[in-house]
Amino acid sequence: MATSMQKLVGVSEEDDEEEMEMDVKEEDDEDEENGEKQIAAQMMIGVDEVMPSTSSSDQFQYQPQLQEQVSNQGGGGGARRSRPLEEKERTKLRERHRRAITARILAGLRRHGNYNLRVRADINDVIAALAREAGWVVLPDGTTFPSRSQSSPAAGTSAGMTSSSSQMVSQQIPPPPATLQGVSSGYRTTVEYNACRMKSVFMPTPSPYDLSSTAPAQSSGVVADGGEQTERLPLIAGSLQVINDKQIIGLPTKLPERDFAGTPFVPVYVMLPLGVINMKCELADPDGLLKQLRVLKSINVDGVMVDCWWGIVEAHAPQEYNWNGYQRLFQMVRELKLKLQVVMSFHECGGSVGDDVCIPLPHWVAEIGRSNPEIFFTDKEGRRNPECLSWGIDKERVLRGRTAVEVYFDYMRSFRVEFDEFFEDGIISMVEVGLGPCGELRYPSCPVKHGWRYPGIGEFQCHDQYMLKSLRKAAEMRGHSFWARGPDNAGSYNSQPHETGFFCDGGDYDGYYGRFFLNWYSQVLLNHGDRVLSLAKLAFDGTCITAKLPGIHWWYKTASHAAELTAGYYNPCNRDGYTAIATMLQKHGAALSFSCTEHHILEQQDHLREALADPRGLVWQAITRYWTMSSQ
């Protein structure tokens, strides 16, 4: 009887509850559902008894309404039975209206917001995209939580979760313990409980709650008084345990490097000075460096990052490597129980903003360059840029019998062999692979030494004989040999897009030749990154590798994105230039290091507005493309 009454209550709900049902059920199921409700309604005709008393306050709340419905069944039976058909038509109209609104929202976001939404995206995809832009983390199953935890207001507790399902509060107090736990209140709603199970909370200090009164655990990993460990079951997405009306969320004691999702813990590495190792491959100031490292250790920094300069290690002769200074540096770091992130720097230091030392390419490479300057990037005026080697010689044996890619691989393999013990002990946690000027995957399109000043669009760097050879081959394959040239109307280093025939709105960049040239130019960049990262993955198997991308944010709000085009990123407003890059990185399991993340705080400055710059938009596009590729 109670079940029948509950069905009748479902029939008499207001329209807003019917809309809620519409969101979770298909229209094809409505006929059967409404039929069941009619049968339930007919079954209740003539029933004049009151609802049985239950412990649920919700059932008691509907009792007067139920009695009124039962008493009115005799006179209005015909109208009552015809109501489901009318309701079905109304819900269909409401659903069509909602779908039309969703379609307009999706179209606007795709067109104006650079949102990466699939063709058949629904309102869930829209909400997820907006949540991610607002700084939230949205998992594939819909679980949502803040990407940055907020400080806990309660003193004496090291971490906790609030009773709100949309916020996780935490506070870090060094040093971190061996066991990672999170504490939450005993009572939670269903949404809060699911979110709690999906992502655990990192606890940098032991729980303030007494473990001696621990109740029987659902799954364990918690150490009781006296150091005895409770029963251990496999930890899947965090385990729960009740302690004095509190829930303990157990975590694995060892988190993978770079995988701290759902925790307030962010590893902090401090970049060492560029000149910490001098040109003789010795520590420039051992005592001063040791003091600085001890200060970093005292404030609980995780580790340090250091450049391993090709121009220092292999300075004098091919395949003669001197790692002495780095050996001593790495020993200091290990003794202080810090970690290392290392940069394979295959470029020169001294020509970029922030460079306070001068470290050229190896001497033997410079000697080759004097007799064959074509090994360096060249602009349309014939000016060479010795900051790094041209990608045109990646497969050309012009470096004493070796190709450029072979030189890079031999260097990385030597490093891996020399510091094998540091890799095996986990001291070296990450290797960043240099892929171009400043270590970034880009062409040297904006060299200060050649007169470039912000916000100039830069120049194409494809006029050495090896790059022109590749361009000629590509043009002949297309059947247009006269396309084997660089653009002649692309301006100079300090031009602005509207001043050129190539980059202006409706310019040649979007014509047949322009699309061919830019496709080839960007593909050379992509191929270079693919070759070098494939060998880096081989050399550093088992260690996280990363690639650094540039933040070319000026002229981002124009149609052509001219500064990105000269740097090798074919990313005009009508084409996505970062998906191919993200796919290549994911192919080799390489992490993304993006150098534009600090510029979003400067968006309101006048020079950014004048250059039609959009750092935030660029960061959003690049990061979302990488995330999208990661989730596939």
Foldseek 3Di string as FASTA:
>chain_A
DLVLLVLQVVLPDDLVVVLVVPVPDPLVCLVVSLVVSLVSLVVLAPPQDWRDDDPDPVVVVCGVVSNVSNVCCVPCVVVSSCVSVVSSVVSVVVVVVQVVVQVVVVVCCVQPPLDPADPPDGVLSVVQSVLVLVQWDADPVGQIEHQAAAADPDPPFAFEQEQDQHHGHGHHDDDADQWFKYKYALDHDPSSVVNCQQAPEGGRDDGPAQQQQWDDFPAFDDAHPPRHGDDHDDADSWGWTDGPRMIMTTDPSDDAPPPQGRYNDDAAAAEDAQVCQDLQRAGPDVVVVLVVLVVCVVVPHQYYEYEDEQCRQCAEHQPRGDNVRVVVVLVSRVVSVHAYEYEDDQFWFDFDPPGPDTRFHHPLVVVLCVVAVLQAFAFPVGDGDRRHGDLLQQPPLSRVRDTPLVSLLSVLLVVCVVPVVCVVVCRHAEYEYQQEHVSALWYPQATVVVPADPPFLGTAGQPRPSSLVLLQVLCVVVVHNVLSDDDPFLDHRRDAQCNTQQRRVVHVCPPPSNVSVLVSLLVSSLVSVLSNLVSSCVSSPPHAYAHEHEQSFFPQQPQQSSSCSSGNQRPGSVDHRQLSVLLSCVVSNHHYHYDLVVCQVVCPDPSRVVRVGDSSSSVSSNVVSNVVNVVD
